[in-house]
Amino acid sequence: NLPSATLCYLWDSRYTAGTRGANPYSTRVRYLVLNGLETATGQWVSQRRNIAEDFALLFGQESLALPPITAVAVGADSDNTQGNSLGYVTQLRWLP
């Protein structure tokens, strides 16, 4: 079962940063591209996000408040494109 809302951050080679979208299989999953076409590959990139603001941007018309966060996942997905990807994550922190 999917949570009531799932926010996914993307690093994408097809879209520019700031692009928003919905998952084609479930409207309960929404995307926000953080790094896109304009971002060079092969270098470290730092990100800092305000999850409540991003949730409001993508789901605000449906919910006035950020629901409880139940999980955080980091992954890579290229099954639809048959591509390959490699990424590293370090210093992942949750700040109040």
PDB file of N, CA and C in Angstrom:
ATOM      1  N   ASN A   1       0.832  -1.195   0.000  1.00  0.00           N
ATOM      2  CA  ASN A   1       0.000   0.000   0.000  1.00  0.00           C
ATOM      3  C   ASN A   1       0.870   1.250   0.000  1.00  0.00           C
ATOM      4  N   LEU A   2       0.506   2.188  -0.846  1.00  0.00           N
ATOM      5  CA  LEU A   2       1.232   3.449  -0.881  1.00  0.00           C
ATOM      6  C   LEU A   2       0.772   4.363   0.247  1.00  0.00           C
ATOM      7  N   PRO A   3       1.685   5.190   0.752  1.00  0.00           N
ATOM      8  CA  PRO A   3       1.256   6.213   1.709  1.00  0.00           C
ATOM      9  C   PRO A   3       0.280   7.177   1.039  1.00  0.00           C
ATOM     10  N   SER A   4      -0.320   8.044   1.839  1.00  0.00           N
ATOM     11  CA  SER A   4      -1.288   8.994   1.279  1.00  0.00           C
ATOM     12  C   SER A   4      -0.640   9.937   0.272  1.00  0.00           C
ATOM     13  N   ALA A   5       0.646  10.160   0.396  1.00  0.00           N
ATOM     14  CA  ALA A   5       1.369  10.998  -0.551  1.00  0.00           C
ATOM     15  C   ALA A   5       2.846  10.610  -0.514  1.00  0.00           C
ATOM     16  N   THR A   6       3.457  10.537  -1.691  1.00  0.00           N
ATOM     17  CA  THR A   6       4.873  10.217  -1.791  1.00  0.00           C
ATOM     18  C   THR A   6       5.550  11.285  -2.630  1.00  0.00           C
ATOM     19  N   LEU A   7       6.555  11.910  -2.062  1.00  0.00           N
ATOM     20  CA  LEU A   7       7.327  12.959  -2.713  1.00  0.00           C
ATOM     21  C   LEU A   7       8.652  12.354  -3.153  1.00  0.00           C
ATOM     22  N   CYS A   8       8.961  12.430  -4.440  1.00  0.00           N
ATOM     23  CA  CYS A   8      10.200  11.886  -4.986  1.00  0.00           C
ATOM     24  C   CYS A   8      11.043  13.010  -5.561  1.00  0.00           C
ATOM     25  N   TYR A   9      12.299  13.040  -5.168  1.00  0.00           N
ATOM     26  CA  TYR A   9      13.248  13.978  -5.755  1.00  0.00           C
ATOM     27  C   TYR A   9      14.031  13.244  -6.825  1.00  0.00           C
ATOM     28  N   LEU A  10      14.240  13.915  -7.965  1.00  0.00           N
ATOM     29  CA  LEU A  10      14.925  13.285  -9.086  1.00  0.00           C
ATOM     30  C   LEU A  10      16.170  14.045  -9.493  1.00  0.00           C
ATOM     31  N   TRP A  11      17.131  13.282  -9.941  1.00  0.00           N
ATOM     32  CA  TRP A  11      18.255  13.784 -10.700  1.00  0.00           C
ATOM     33  C   TRP A  11      18.038  13.172 -12.071  1.00  0.00           C
ATOM     34  N   ASP A  12      17.784  13.996 -13.067  1.00  0.00           N
ATOM     35  CA  ASP A  12      17.277  13.494 -14.338  1.00  0.00           C
ATOM     36  C   ASP A  12      18.067  14.073 -15.508  1.00  0.00           C
ATOM     37  N   SER A  13      18.316  13.257 -16.515  1.00  0.00           N
ATOM     38  CA  SER A  13      19.078  13.711 -17.676  1.00  0.00           C
ATOM     39  C   SER A  13      18.186  14.195 -18.817  1.00  0.00           C
ATOM     40  N   ARG A  14      16.867  14.235 -18.609  1.00  0.00           N
ATOM     41  CA  ARG A  14      15.952  14.668 -19.662  1.00  0.00           C
ATOM     42  C   ARG A  14      15.262  15.990 -19.364  1.00  0.00           C
ATOM     43  N   TYR A  15      15.086  16.317 -18.094  1.00  0.00           N
ATOM     44  CA  TYR A  15      14.320  17.502 -17.707  1.00  0.00           C
ATOM     45  C   TYR A  15      15.195  18.474 -16.937  1.00  0.00           C
ATOM     46  N   THR A  16      14.808  19.732 -16.925  1.00  0.00           N
ATOM     47  CA  THR A  16      15.555  20.746 -16.190  1.00  0.00           C
ATOM     48  C   THR A  16      15.124  20.768 -14.725  1.00  0.00           C
ATOM     49  N   ALA A  17      15.986  21.308 -13.895  1.00  0.00           N
ATOM     50  CA  ALA A  17      15.673  21.449 -12.473  1.00  0.00           C
ATOM     51  C   ALA A  17      14.398  22.263 -12.315  1.00  0.00           C
ATOM     52  N   GLY A  18      13.573  21.844 -11.368  1.00  0.00           N
ATOM     53  CA  GLY A  18      12.312  22.530 -11.109  1.00  0.00           C
ATOM     54  C   GLY A  18      11.123  21.884 -11.800  1.00  0.00           C
ATOM     55  N   THR A  19      11.383  20.977 -12.747  1.00  0.00           N
ATOM     56  CA  THR A  19      10.289  20.286 -13.425  1.00  0.00           C
ATOM     57  C   THR A  19       9.515  19.455 -12.412  1.00  0.00           C
ATOM     58  N   ARG A  20       8.190  19.517 -12.492  1.00  0.00           N
ATOM     59  CA  ARG A  20       7.316  18.753 -11.593  1.00  0.00           C
ATOM     60  C   ARG A  20       6.488  17.784 -12.414  1.00  0.00           C
ATOM     61  N   GLY A  21       6.094  16.675 -11.782  1.00  0.00           N
ATOM     62  CA  GLY A  21       5.251  15.721 -12.489  1.00  0.00           C
ATOM     63  C   GLY A  21       4.654  14.694 -11.565  1.00  0.00           C
ATOM     64  N   ALA A  22       3.723  13.929 -12.109  1.00  0.00           N
ATOM     65  CA  ALA A  22       3.070  12.850 -11.372  1.00  0.00           C
ATOM     66  C   ALA A  22       3.495  11.514 -11.967  1.00  0.00           C
ATOM     67  N   ASN A  23       3.562  10.520 -11.143  1.00  0.00           N
ATOM     68  CA  ASN A  23       3.859   9.168 -11.585  1.00  0.00           C
ATOM     69  C   ASN A  23       2.740   8.701 -12.510  1.00  0.00           C
ATOM     70  N   PRO A  24       3.069   8.086 -13.646  1.00  0.00           N
ATOM     71  CA  PRO A  24       2.016   7.644 -14.562  1.00  0.00           C
ATOM     72  C   PRO A  24       1.181   6.483 -14.031  1.00  0.00           C
ATOM     73  N   TYR A  25       1.655   5.815 -12.976  1.00  0.00           N
ATOM     74  CA  TYR A  25       0.948   4.666 -12.432  1.00  0.00           C
ATOM     75  C   TYR A  25       0.153   4.984 -11.172  1.00  0.00           C
ATOM     76  N   SER A  26       0.470   6.094 -10.511  1.00  0.00           N
ATOM     77  CA  SER A  26      -0.244   6.478  -9.294  1.00  0.00           C
ATOM     78  C   SER A  26      -0.157   7.986  -9.093  1.00  0.00           C
ATOM     79  N   THR A  27      -1.292   8.630  -8.927  1.00  0.00           N
ATOM     80  CA  THR A  27      -1.296  10.065  -8.655  1.00  0.00           C
ATOM     81  C   THR A  27      -0.849  10.365  -7.230  1.00  0.00           C
ATOM     82  N   ARG A  28      -0.631   9.342  -6.424  1.00  0.00           N
ATOM     83  CA  ARG A  28      -0.168   9.524  -5.044  1.00  0.00           C
ATOM     84  C   ARG A  28       1.338   9.730  -4.985  1.00  0.00           C
ATOM     85  N   VAL A  29       2.020   9.615  -6.115  1.00  0.00           N
ATOM     86  CA  VAL A  29       3.462   9.810  -6.190  1.00  0.00           C
ATOM     87  C   VAL A  29       3.721  10.999  -7.110  1.00  0.00           C
ATOM     88  N   ARG A  30       4.433  12.008  -6.588  1.00  0.00           N
ATOM     89  CA  ARG A  30       4.742  13.213  -7.377  1.00  0.00           C
ATOM     90  C   ARG A  30       6.253  13.429  -7.371  1.00  0.00           C
ATOM     91  N   TYR A  31       6.743  14.019  -8.454  1.00  0.00           N
ATOM     92  CA  TYR A  31       8.176  14.205  -8.655  1.00  0.00           C
ATOM     93  C   TYR A  31       8.558  15.670  -8.712  1.00  0.00           C
ATOM     94  N   LEU A  32       9.775  15.944  -8.250  1.00  0.00           N
ATOM     95  CA  LEU A  32      10.385  17.260  -8.384  1.00  0.00           C
ATOM     96  C   LEU A  32      11.837  17.034  -8.799  1.00  0.00           C
ATOM     97  N   VAL A  33      12.218  17.564  -9.964  1.00  0.00           N
ATOM     98  CA  VAL A  33      13.588  17.408 -10.454  1.00  0.00           C
ATOM     99  C   VAL A  33      14.477  18.426  -9.737  1.00  0.00           C
ATOM    100  N   LEU A  34      15.518  17.929  -9.063  1.00  0.00           N
ATOM    101  CA  LEU A  34      16.459  18.812  -8.371  1.00  0.00           C
ATOM    102  C   LEU A  34      17.650  19.151  -9.250  1.00  0.00           C
ATOM    103  N   ASN A  35      18.160  18.178  -9.953  1.00  0.00           N
ATOM    104  CA  ASN A  35      19.260  18.388 -10.886  1.00  0.00           C
ATOM    105  C   ASN A  35      18.857  17.776 -12.216  1.00  0.00           C
ATOM    106  N   GLY A  36      19.023  18.548 -13.284  1.00  0.00           N
ATOM    107  CA  GLY A  36      18.583  18.069 -14.583  1.00  0.00           C
ATOM    108  C   GLY A  36      19.624  18.266 -15.656  1.00  0.00           C
ATOM    109  N   LEU A  37      19.130  18.564 -16.845  1.00  0.00           N
ATOM    110  CA  LEU A  37      19.985  18.719 -18.027  1.00  0.00           C
ATOM    111  C   LEU A  37      21.156  19.672 -17.809  1.00  0.00           C
ATOM    112  N   GLU A  38      20.924  20.701 -17.031  1.00  0.00           N
ATOM    113  CA  GLU A  38      21.936  21.747 -16.857  1.00  0.00           C
ATOM    114  C   GLU A  38      23.030  21.363 -15.866  1.00  0.00           C
ATOM    115  N   THR A  39      22.900  20.221 -15.207  1.00  0.00           N
ATOM    116  CA  THR A  39      23.852  19.818 -14.176  1.00  0.00           C
ATOM    117  C   THR A  39      24.922  18.905 -14.760  1.00  0.00           C
ATOM    118  N   ALA A  40      26.178  19.266 -14.556  1.00  0.00           N
ATOM    119  CA  ALA A  40      27.286  18.443 -15.033  1.00  0.00           C
ATOM    120  C   ALA A  40      27.325  17.125 -14.259  1.00  0.00           C
ATOM    121  N   THR A  41      27.727  16.072 -14.921  1.00  0.00           N
ATOM    122  CA  THR A  41      27.856  14.773 -14.268  1.00  0.00           C
ATOM    123  C   THR A  41      29.286  14.598 -13.755  1.00  0.00           C
ATOM    124  N   GLY A  42      29.468  13.615 -12.906  1.00  0.00           N
ATOM    125  CA  GLY A  42      30.798  13.288 -12.418  1.00  0.00           C
ATOM    126  C   GLY A  42      31.323  14.211 -11.340  1.00  0.00           C
ATOM    127  N   GLN A  43      30.438  14.914 -10.656  1.00  0.00           N
ATOM    128  CA  GLN A  43      30.876  15.785  -9.570  1.00  0.00           C
ATOM    129  C   GLN A  43      29.880  15.722  -8.419  1.00  0.00           C
ATOM    130  N   TRP A  44      30.364  16.024  -7.215  1.00  0.00           N
ATOM    131  CA  TRP A  44      29.489  16.038  -6.055  1.00  0.00           C
ATOM    132  C   TRP A  44      28.558  17.227  -6.134  1.00  0.00           C
ATOM    133  N   VAL A  45      27.319  17.018  -5.723  1.00  0.00           N
ATOM    134  CA  VAL A  45      26.318  18.075  -5.690  1.00  0.00           C
ATOM    135  C   VAL A  45      25.666  18.052  -4.316  1.00  0.00           C
ATOM    136  N   SER A  46      25.542  19.204  -3.684  1.00  0.00           N
ATOM    137  CA  SER A  46      24.869  19.292  -2.385  1.00  0.00           C
ATOM    138  C   SER A  46      23.425  19.729  -2.590  1.00  0.00           C
ATOM    139  N   GLN A  47      22.545  19.175  -1.779  1.00  0.00           N
ATOM    140  CA  GLN A  47      21.132  19.541  -1.806  1.00  0.00           C
ATOM    141  C   GLN A  47      20.667  19.801  -0.381  1.00  0.00           C
ATOM    142  N   ARG A  48      19.799  20.762  -0.241  1.00  0.00           N
ATOM    143  CA  ARG A  48      19.136  21.031   1.035  1.00  0.00           C
ATOM    144  C   ARG A  48      17.698  21.378   0.687  1.00  0.00           C
ATOM    145  N   ARG A  49      16.743  20.632   1.240  1.00  0.00           N
ATOM    146  CA  ARG A  49      15.340  20.801   0.878  1.00  0.00           C
ATOM    147  C   ARG A  49      14.491  21.066   2.101  1.00  0.00           C
ATOM    148  N   ASN A  50      13.451  21.868   1.928  1.00  0.00           N
ATOM    149  CA  ASN A  50      12.423  22.041   2.942  1.00  0.00           C
ATOM    150  C   ASN A  50      11.257  21.157   2.492  1.00  0.00           C
ATOM    151  N   ILE A  51      11.127  20.017   3.116  1.00  0.00           N
ATOM    152  CA  ILE A  51      10.155  19.021   2.675  1.00  0.00           C
ATOM    153  C   ILE A  51       8.726  19.546   2.774  1.00  0.00           C
ATOM    154  N   ALA A  52       8.437  20.308   3.804  1.00  0.00           N
ATOM    155  CA  ALA A  52       7.077  20.855   3.939  1.00  0.00           C
ATOM    156  C   ALA A  52       6.745  21.781   2.761  1.00  0.00           C
ATOM    157  N   GLU A  53       7.694  22.619   2.346  1.00  0.00           N
ATOM    158  CA  GLU A  53       7.452  23.500   1.205  1.00  0.00           C
ATOM    159  C   GLU A  53       7.299  22.712  -0.094  1.00  0.00           C
ATOM    160  N   ASP A  54       8.140  21.686  -0.273  1.00  0.00           N
ATOM    161  CA  ASP A  54       8.047  20.870  -1.480  1.00  0.00           C
ATOM    162  C   ASP A  54       6.745  20.078  -1.507  1.00  0.00           C
ATOM    163  N   PHE A  55       6.315  19.592  -0.354  1.00  0.00           N
ATOM    164  CA  PHE A  55       5.036  18.884  -0.280  1.00  0.00           C
ATOM    165  C   PHE A  55       3.897  19.828  -0.674  1.00  0.00           C
ATOM    166  N   ALA A  56       3.939  21.047  -0.154  1.00  0.00           N
ATOM    167  CA  ALA A  56       2.896  22.024  -0.480  1.00  0.00           C
ATOM    168  C   ALA A  56       2.902  22.352  -1.973  1.00  0.00           C
ATOM    169  N   LEU A  57       4.077  22.423  -2.566  1.00  0.00           N
ATOM    170  CA  LEU A  57       4.188  22.698  -3.997  1.00  0.00           C
ATOM    171  C   LEU A  57       3.517  21.600  -4.824  1.00  0.00           C
ATOM    172  N   LEU A  58       3.700  20.351  -4.430  1.00  0.00           N
ATOM    173  CA  LEU A  58       3.200  19.227  -5.223  1.00  0.00           C
ATOM    174  C   LEU A  58       1.827  18.708  -4.805  1.00  0.00           C
ATOM    175  N   PHE A  59       1.492  18.822  -3.526  1.00  0.00           N
ATOM    176  CA  PHE A  59       0.230  18.269  -3.025  1.00  0.00           C
ATOM    177  C   PHE A  59      -0.652  19.307  -2.346  1.00  0.00           C
ATOM    178  N   GLY A  60      -0.247  20.564  -2.345  1.00  0.00           N
ATOM    179  CA  GLY A  60      -0.944  21.600  -1.590  1.00  0.00           C
ATOM    180  C   GLY A  60      -2.410  21.765  -1.912  1.00  0.00           C
ATOM    181  N   GLN A  61      -2.809  21.486  -3.135  1.00  0.00           N
ATOM    182  CA  GLN A  61      -4.220  21.616  -3.495  1.00  0.00           C
ATOM    183  C   GLN A  61      -5.062  20.514  -2.859  1.00  0.00           C
ATOM    184  N   GLU A  62      -4.424  19.461  -2.345  1.00  0.00           N
ATOM    185  CA  GLU A  62      -5.144  18.338  -1.745  1.00  0.00           C
ATOM    186  C   GLU A  62      -5.051  18.301  -0.225  1.00  0.00           C
ATOM    187  N   SER A  63      -3.990  18.864   0.321  1.00  0.00           N
ATOM    188  CA  SER A  63      -3.762  18.775   1.761  1.00  0.00           C
ATOM    189  C   SER A  63      -3.089  20.047   2.249  1.00  0.00           C
ATOM    190  N   LEU A  64      -3.582  20.601   3.332  1.00  0.00           N
ATOM    191  CA  LEU A  64      -3.019  21.826   3.886  1.00  0.00           C
ATOM    192  C   LEU A  64      -1.812  21.584   4.774  1.00  0.00           C
ATOM    193  N   ALA A  65      -1.650  20.348   5.259  1.00  0.00           N
ATOM    194  CA  ALA A  65      -0.576  20.057   6.202  1.00  0.00           C
ATOM    195  C   ALA A  65       0.261  18.876   5.724  1.00  0.00           C
ATOM    196  N   LEU A  66       1.542  18.913   6.058  1.00  0.00           N
ATOM    197  CA  LEU A  66       2.444  17.815   5.758  1.00  0.00           C
ATOM    198  C   LEU A  66       2.062  16.619   6.618  1.00  0.00           C
ATOM    199  N   PRO A  67       1.770  15.468   6.016  1.00  0.00           N
ATOM    200  CA  PRO A  67       1.454  14.289   6.827  1.00  0.00           C
ATOM    201  C   PRO A  67       2.718  13.765   7.513  1.00  0.00           C
ATOM    202  N   PRO A  68       2.570  12.893   8.492  1.00  0.00           N
ATOM    203  CA  PRO A  68       3.753  12.322   9.142  1.00  0.00           C
ATOM    204  C   PRO A  68       4.646  11.627   8.121  1.00  0.00           C
ATOM    205  N   ILE A  69       5.935  11.798   8.254  1.00  0.00           N
ATOM    206  CA  ILE A  69       6.881  11.143   7.355  1.00  0.00           C
ATOM    207  C   ILE A  69       7.156   9.755   7.922  1.00  0.00           C
ATOM    208  N   THR A  70       6.907   8.740   7.129  1.00  0.00           N
ATOM    209  CA  THR A  70       7.036   7.363   7.599  1.00  0.00           C
ATOM    210  C   THR A  70       8.282   6.661   7.087  1.00  0.00           C
ATOM    211  N   ALA A  71       8.893   7.178   6.024  1.00  0.00           N
ATOM    212  CA  ALA A  71      10.084   6.524   5.479  1.00  0.00           C
ATOM    213  C   ALA A  71      10.824   7.474   4.554  1.00  0.00           C
ATOM    214  N   VAL A  72      12.103   7.225   4.424  1.00  0.00           N
ATOM    215  CA  VAL A  72      12.946   7.910   3.454  1.00  0.00           C
ATOM    216  C   VAL A  72      13.700   6.820   2.707  1.00  0.00           C
ATOM    217  N   ALA A  73      13.671   6.862   1.381  1.00  0.00           N
ATOM    218  CA  ALA A  73      14.361   5.859   0.568  1.00  0.00           C
ATOM    219  C   ALA A  73      15.259   6.556  -0.433  1.00  0.00           C
ATOM    220  N   VAL A  74      16.384   5.950  -0.720  1.00  0.00           N
ATOM    221  CA  VAL A  74      17.300   6.435  -1.749  1.00  0.00           C
ATOM    222  C   VAL A  74      17.465   5.295  -2.739  1.00  0.00           C
ATOM    223  N   GLY A  75      17.259   5.587  -4.024  1.00  0.00           N
ATOM    224  CA  GLY A  75      17.359   4.517  -5.010  1.00  0.00           C
ATOM    225  C   GLY A  75      17.660   5.044  -6.390  1.00  0.00           C
ATOM    226  N   ALA A  76      17.813   4.115  -7.312  1.00  0.00           N
ATOM    227  CA  ALA A  76      18.029   4.430  -8.726  1.00  0.00           C
ATOM    228  C   ALA A  76      17.067   3.579  -9.533  1.00  0.00           C
ATOM    229  N   ASP A  77      16.604   4.132 -10.638  1.00  0.00           N
ATOM    230  CA  ASP A  77      15.608   3.422 -11.432  1.00  0.00           C
ATOM    231  C   ASP A  77      15.866   3.675 -12.904  1.00  0.00           C
ATOM    232  N   SER A  78      16.136   2.621 -13.637  1.00  0.00           N
ATOM    233  CA  SER A  78      16.308   2.767 -15.085  1.00  0.00           C
ATOM    234  C   SER A  78      15.647   1.618 -15.832  1.00  0.00           C
ATOM    235  N   ASP A  79      14.704   0.940 -15.175  1.00  0.00           N
ATOM    236  CA  ASP A  79      14.080  -0.221 -15.811  1.00  0.00           C
ATOM    237  C   ASP A  79      13.259   0.155 -17.047  1.00  0.00           C
ATOM    238  N   ASN A  80      12.666   1.350 -17.064  1.00  0.00           N
ATOM    239  CA  ASN A  80      11.873   1.751 -18.232  1.00  0.00           C
ATOM    240  C   ASN A  80      12.736   2.217 -19.401  1.00  0.00           C
ATOM    241  N   THR A  81      13.944   2.688 -19.107  1.00  0.00           N
ATOM    242  CA  THR A  81      14.815   3.198 -20.164  1.00  0.00           C
ATOM    243  C   THR A  81      15.877   2.191 -20.572  1.00  0.00           C
ATOM    244  N   GLN A  82      16.006   1.120 -19.811  1.00  0.00           N
ATOM    245  CA  GLN A  82      17.046   0.110 -20.043  1.00  0.00           C
ATOM    246  C   GLN A  82      18.441   0.725 -19.965  1.00  0.00           C
ATOM    247  N   GLY A  83      18.569   1.801 -19.203  1.00  0.00           N
ATOM    248  CA  GLY A  83      19.860   2.467 -19.045  1.00  0.00           C
ATOM    249  C   GLY A  83      20.595   1.974 -17.817  1.00  0.00           C
ATOM    250  N   ASN A  84      21.694   2.607 -17.541  1.00  0.00           N
ATOM    251  CA  ASN A  84      22.503   2.312 -16.363  1.00  0.00           C
ATOM    252  C   ASN A  84      22.712   3.594 -15.583  1.00  0.00           C
ATOM    253  N   SER A  85      22.838   3.478 -14.294  1.00  0.00           N
ATOM    254  CA  SER A  85      23.127   4.647 -13.481  1.00  0.00           C
ATOM    255  C   SER A  85      23.996   4.237 -12.307  1.00  0.00           C
ATOM    256  N   LEU A  86      24.770   5.184 -11.837  1.00  0.00           N
ATOM    257  CA  LEU A  86      25.626   4.972 -10.681  1.00  0.00           C
ATOM    258  C   LEU A  86      25.629   6.273  -9.896  1.00  0.00           C
ATOM    259  N   GLY A  87      25.365   6.189  -8.633  1.00  0.00           N
ATOM    260  CA  GLY A  87      25.363   7.378  -7.797  1.00  0.00           C
ATOM    261  C   GLY A  87      25.853   7.045  -6.405  1.00  0.00           C
ATOM    262  N   TYR A  88      26.362   8.028  -5.738  1.00  0.00           N
ATOM    263  CA  TYR A  88      26.837   7.881  -4.367  1.00  0.00           C
ATOM    264  C   TYR A  88      26.115   8.907  -3.508  1.00  0.00           C
ATOM    265  N   VAL A  89      25.797   8.527  -2.301  1.00  0.00           N
ATOM    266  CA  VAL A  89      25.167   9.428  -1.342  1.00  0.00           C
ATOM    267  C   VAL A  89      26.039   9.436  -0.095  1.00  0.00           C
ATOM    268  N   THR A  90      26.291  10.613   0.413  1.00  0.00           N
ATOM    269  CA  THR A  90      27.065  10.731   1.639  1.00  0.00           C
ATOM    270  C   THR A  90      26.483  11.861   2.481  1.00  0.00           C
ATOM    271  N   GLN A  91      26.693  11.798   3.762  1.00  0.00           N
ATOM    272  CA  GLN A  91      26.265  12.828   4.701  1.00  0.00           C
ATOM    273  C   GLN A  91      24.778  13.127   4.596  1.00  0.00           C
ATOM    274  N   LEU A  92      23.972  12.103   4.422  1.00  0.00           N
ATOM    275  CA  LEU A  92      22.512  12.272   4.404  1.00  0.00           C
ATOM    276  C   LEU A  92      22.079  12.560   5.830  1.00  0.00           C
ATOM    277  N   ARG A  93      21.471  13.731   6.032  1.00  0.00           N
ATOM    278  CA  ARG A  93      21.084  14.151   7.373  1.00  0.00           C
ATOM    279  C   ARG A  93      19.674  14.680   7.371  1.00  0.00           C
ATOM    280  N   TRP A  94      19.006  14.500   8.490  1.00  0.00           N
ATOM    281  CA  TRP A  94      17.653  15.010   8.715  1.00  0.00           C
ATOM    282  C   TRP A  94      17.776  16.123   9.738  1.00  0.00           C
ATOM    283  N   LEU A  95      17.466  17.354   9.324  1.00  0.00           N
ATOM    284  CA  LEU A  95      17.585  18.489  10.233  1.00  0.00           C
ATOM    285  C   LEU A  95      16.210  18.958  10.665  1.00  0.00           C
ATOM    286  N   PRO A  96      16.073  19.346  11.938  1.00  0.00           N
ATOM    287  CA  PRO A  96      14.769  19.835  12.422  1.00  0.00           C
ATOM    288  C   PRO A  96      14.401  21.168  11.819  1.00  0.00           C
TER     289      PRO A  96
END
